[in-house]
């Protein structure tokens, strides 16, 4: 097992322990700034971005119809039902 690295979420400030790969996956470079997002903040930010682009639960359901059930459910979980 690798070394545990602690990092604070750039939105909520919650400090979590990460291994090297997990920290890399949770780190984003936005407008040249490196930020770390915890999973709940990342999920909330994604929901807000999708909603602002008009991707409602109904629209995502239509898109997800051609996917396998697990993949479709993952997509549908991103947006709360109307």
N, C-alpha and C. Protein backbone atom coordinates (compact mmCIF):
# COMPACT_ATOMS: atom_id res chain seq x y z
N UNK A 1 0.85 -1.18 0.00
CA UNK A 1 0.00 0.00 0.00
C UNK A 1 0.89 1.24 0.00
N UNK A 2 0.49 2.23 -0.76
CA UNK A 2 1.27 3.45 -0.88
C UNK A 2 1.06 4.39 0.29
N UNK A 3 1.83 5.41 0.30
CA UNK A 3 1.76 6.44 1.34
C UNK A 3 0.44 7.19 1.25
N UNK A 4 -0.17 7.49 2.39
CA UNK A 4 -1.42 8.25 2.43
C UNK A 4 -1.08 9.73 2.47
N UNK A 5 -1.68 10.48 1.55
CA UNK A 5 -1.49 11.92 1.46
C UNK A 5 -2.78 12.61 1.87
N UNK A 6 -2.70 13.61 2.72
CA UNK A 6 -3.87 14.37 3.12
C UNK A 6 -4.00 15.61 2.25
N UNK A 7 -5.23 15.90 1.84
CA UNK A 7 -5.48 17.10 1.04
C UNK A 7 -6.85 17.65 1.40
N UNK A 8 -6.97 18.96 1.37
CA UNK A 8 -8.24 19.62 1.68
C UNK A 8 -8.99 19.93 0.40
N UNK A 9 -10.30 19.71 0.42
CA UNK A 9 -11.15 20.06 -0.71
C UNK A 9 -11.14 21.58 -0.87
N UNK A 10 -10.99 22.02 -2.09
CA UNK A 10 -10.93 23.46 -2.37
C UNK A 10 -12.28 24.15 -2.20
N UNK A 11 -13.37 23.40 -2.12
CA UNK A 11 -14.70 24.00 -1.95
C UNK A 11 -15.14 23.97 -0.49
N UNK A 12 -15.18 22.77 0.11
CA UNK A 12 -15.72 22.66 1.47
C UNK A 12 -14.65 22.64 2.55
N UNK A 13 -13.39 22.40 2.17
CA UNK A 13 -12.30 22.39 3.14
C UNK A 13 -12.13 21.07 3.88
N UNK A 14 -12.97 20.08 3.59
CA UNK A 14 -12.86 18.78 4.24
C UNK A 14 -11.51 18.15 3.88
N UNK A 15 -10.78 17.67 4.88
CA UNK A 15 -9.48 17.04 4.65
C UNK A 15 -9.69 15.53 4.58
N UNK A 16 -9.20 14.94 3.50
CA UNK A 16 -9.32 13.50 3.28
C UNK A 16 -7.95 12.91 3.00
N UNK A 17 -7.82 11.61 3.24
CA UNK A 17 -6.60 10.89 2.93
C UNK A 17 -6.71 10.24 1.56
N UNK A 18 -5.67 10.37 0.76
CA UNK A 18 -5.65 9.85 -0.61
C UNK A 18 -4.36 9.08 -0.83
N UNK A 19 -4.43 8.05 -1.67
CA UNK A 19 -3.18 7.51 -2.17
C UNK A 19 -2.80 8.36 -3.39
N UNK A 20 -1.64 8.13 -3.95
CA UNK A 20 -1.14 8.98 -5.04
C UNK A 20 -2.11 9.03 -6.23
N UNK A 21 -2.63 7.88 -6.65
CA UNK A 21 -3.54 7.84 -7.80
C UNK A 21 -4.87 8.51 -7.51
N UNK A 22 -5.41 8.31 -6.31
CA UNK A 22 -6.68 8.93 -5.94
C UNK A 22 -6.56 10.45 -5.89
N UNK A 23 -5.46 10.93 -5.33
CA UNK A 23 -5.25 12.37 -5.28
C UNK A 23 -5.13 12.96 -6.68
N UNK A 24 -4.44 12.25 -7.55
CA UNK A 24 -4.31 12.71 -8.94
C UNK A 24 -5.68 12.78 -9.62
N UNK A 25 -6.54 11.79 -9.37
CA UNK A 25 -7.88 11.77 -9.97
C UNK A 25 -8.78 12.85 -9.40
N UNK A 26 -8.53 13.28 -8.17
CA UNK A 26 -9.36 14.30 -7.52
C UNK A 26 -8.82 15.71 -7.71
N UNK A 27 -7.70 15.84 -8.39
CA UNK A 27 -7.06 17.14 -8.61
C UNK A 27 -7.37 17.63 -10.02
N UNK A 28 -7.81 18.87 -10.11
CA UNK A 28 -8.19 19.48 -11.38
C UNK A 28 -7.41 20.76 -11.57
N UNK A 29 -7.09 21.07 -12.81
CA UNK A 29 -6.47 22.36 -13.13
C UNK A 29 -7.52 23.16 -13.89
N UNK A 30 -7.97 24.23 -13.27
CA UNK A 30 -9.02 25.08 -13.84
C UNK A 30 -8.48 26.50 -13.92
N UNK A 31 -8.43 27.04 -15.13
CA UNK A 31 -7.87 28.37 -15.37
C UNK A 31 -6.48 28.52 -14.76
N UNK A 32 -5.70 27.46 -14.85
CA UNK A 32 -4.33 27.49 -14.35
C UNK A 32 -4.19 27.25 -12.86
N UNK A 33 -5.29 27.12 -12.15
CA UNK A 33 -5.25 26.89 -10.70
C UNK A 33 -5.48 25.41 -10.41
N UNK A 34 -4.65 24.84 -9.58
CA UNK A 34 -4.78 23.44 -9.20
C UNK A 34 -5.72 23.36 -7.99
N UNK A 35 -6.82 22.60 -8.12
CA UNK A 35 -7.77 22.44 -7.03
C UNK A 35 -8.03 20.96 -6.78
N UNK A 36 -8.37 20.66 -5.54
CA UNK A 36 -8.74 19.30 -5.15
C UNK A 36 -10.22 19.33 -4.80
N UNK A 37 -10.96 18.36 -5.32
CA UNK A 37 -12.39 18.25 -5.00
C UNK A 37 -12.67 16.91 -4.35
N UNK A 38 -13.37 16.94 -3.21
CA UNK A 38 -13.81 15.69 -2.62
C UNK A 38 -14.98 15.17 -3.46
N UNK A 39 -15.32 13.91 -3.28
CA UNK A 39 -16.37 13.29 -4.12
C UNK A 39 -17.71 14.02 -4.00
N UNK A 40 -18.20 14.34 -2.79
CA UNK A 40 -19.50 15.04 -2.72
C UNK A 40 -19.49 16.40 -3.43
N UNK A 41 -18.41 17.16 -3.28
CA UNK A 41 -18.34 18.47 -3.96
C UNK A 41 -18.24 18.29 -5.47
N UNK A 42 -17.48 17.28 -5.91
CA UNK A 42 -17.36 17.01 -7.34
C UNK A 42 -18.73 16.65 -7.92
N UNK A 43 -19.48 15.81 -7.20
CA UNK A 43 -20.82 15.42 -7.66
C UNK A 43 -21.76 16.62 -7.71
N UNK A 44 -21.74 17.45 -6.67
CA UNK A 44 -22.62 18.63 -6.64
C UNK A 44 -22.27 19.61 -7.76
N UNK A 45 -20.99 19.81 -8.00
CA UNK A 45 -20.56 20.71 -9.06
C UNK A 45 -21.00 20.19 -10.43
N UNK A 46 -20.86 18.89 -10.64
CA UNK A 46 -21.29 18.29 -11.91
C UNK A 46 -22.80 18.47 -12.10
N UNK A 47 -23.58 18.22 -11.04
CA UNK A 47 -25.04 18.40 -11.13
C UNK A 47 -25.39 19.83 -11.53
N UNK A 48 -24.75 20.80 -10.89
CA UNK A 48 -25.04 22.21 -11.20
C UNK A 48 -24.65 22.55 -12.62
N UNK A 49 -23.53 22.02 -13.09
CA UNK A 49 -23.10 22.29 -14.46
C UNK A 49 -24.07 21.68 -15.47
N UNK A 50 -24.51 20.46 -15.22
CA UNK A 50 -25.46 19.82 -16.13
C UNK A 50 -26.79 20.57 -16.15
N UNK A 51 -27.27 20.95 -14.97
CA UNK A 51 -28.53 21.68 -14.89
C UNK A 51 -28.45 23.01 -15.63
N UNK A 52 -27.30 23.69 -15.51
CA UNK A 52 -27.17 24.99 -16.16
C UNK A 52 -27.14 24.88 -17.68
N UNK A 53 -26.87 23.67 -18.17
CA UNK A 53 -26.86 23.43 -19.62
C UNK A 53 -28.13 22.77 -20.10
N UNK A 54 -29.13 22.71 -19.21
CA UNK A 54 -30.44 22.20 -19.61
C UNK A 54 -30.55 20.69 -19.67
N UNK A 55 -29.60 19.99 -19.08
CA UNK A 55 -29.67 18.53 -19.08
C UNK A 55 -30.48 18.06 -17.87
N UNK A 56 -31.78 17.95 -18.05
CA UNK A 56 -32.68 17.52 -17.00
C UNK A 56 -32.66 16.00 -16.88
N UNK A 57 -33.27 15.50 -15.83
CA UNK A 57 -33.37 14.05 -15.63
C UNK A 57 -34.06 13.40 -16.83
N UNK A 58 -35.10 14.05 -17.33
CA UNK A 58 -35.85 13.50 -18.48
C UNK A 58 -34.95 13.41 -19.72
N UNK A 59 -34.14 14.43 -19.97
CA UNK A 59 -33.25 14.43 -21.13
C UNK A 59 -32.16 13.38 -20.98
N UNK A 60 -31.60 13.26 -19.79
CA UNK A 60 -30.56 12.25 -19.57
C UNK A 60 -31.15 10.85 -19.69
N UNK A 61 -32.40 10.66 -19.25
CA UNK A 61 -33.05 9.35 -19.39
C UNK A 61 -33.15 8.99 -20.88
N UNK A 62 -33.49 9.95 -21.72
CA UNK A 62 -33.58 9.70 -23.15
C UNK A 62 -32.21 9.33 -23.74
N UNK A 63 -31.18 10.00 -23.27
CA UNK A 63 -29.82 9.70 -23.74
C UNK A 63 -29.38 8.32 -23.25
N UNK A 64 -29.75 7.98 -22.02
CA UNK A 64 -29.29 6.74 -21.38
C UNK A 64 -30.02 5.49 -21.88
N UNK A 65 -31.10 5.65 -22.61
CA UNK A 65 -31.87 4.50 -23.07
C UNK A 65 -31.05 3.49 -23.86
N UNK A 66 -30.03 3.94 -24.56
CA UNK A 66 -29.24 3.02 -25.38
C UNK A 66 -28.05 2.42 -24.64
N UNK A 67 -27.88 2.74 -23.35
CA UNK A 67 -26.75 2.23 -22.57
C UNK A 67 -27.13 1.00 -21.77
N UNK A 68 -26.12 0.27 -21.31
CA UNK A 68 -26.36 -0.85 -20.41
C UNK A 68 -26.92 -0.30 -19.10
N UNK A 69 -27.66 -1.10 -18.36
CA UNK A 69 -28.39 -0.62 -17.19
C UNK A 69 -27.50 0.04 -16.15
N UNK A 70 -26.32 -0.51 -15.83
CA UNK A 70 -25.45 0.10 -14.83
C UNK A 70 -24.98 1.48 -15.28
N UNK A 71 -24.60 1.60 -16.55
CA UNK A 71 -24.15 2.89 -17.07
C UNK A 71 -25.30 3.89 -17.10
N UNK A 72 -26.48 3.43 -17.49
CA UNK A 72 -27.65 4.31 -17.51
C UNK A 72 -27.97 4.80 -16.10
N UNK A 73 -27.92 3.91 -15.13
CA UNK A 73 -28.21 4.30 -13.74
C UNK A 73 -27.19 5.30 -13.23
N UNK A 74 -25.92 5.12 -13.60
CA UNK A 74 -24.89 6.09 -13.19
C UNK A 74 -25.21 7.46 -13.73
N UNK A 75 -25.62 7.55 -14.98
CA UNK A 75 -25.99 8.83 -15.56
C UNK A 75 -27.22 9.42 -14.90
N UNK A 76 -28.23 8.61 -14.67
CA UNK A 76 -29.48 9.10 -14.08
C UNK A 76 -29.29 9.57 -12.65
N UNK A 77 -28.31 9.00 -11.95
CA UNK A 77 -28.05 9.42 -10.57
C UNK A 77 -27.44 10.82 -10.50
N UNK A 78 -26.93 11.33 -11.61
CA UNK A 78 -26.31 12.66 -11.60
C UNK A 78 -27.31 13.79 -11.43
N UNK A 79 -28.51 13.59 -11.93
CA UNK A 79 -29.51 14.65 -11.92
C UNK A 79 -30.72 14.19 -11.13
N UNK A 80 -31.18 14.97 -10.16
CA UNK A 80 -32.39 14.57 -9.42
C UNK A 80 -33.60 14.54 -10.34
N UNK A 81 -34.52 13.63 -10.04
CA UNK A 81 -35.71 13.49 -10.87
C UNK A 81 -36.56 14.75 -10.78
N UNK A 82 -37.18 15.13 -11.92
CA UNK A 82 -38.00 16.35 -11.99
C UNK A 82 -39.21 16.26 -11.10
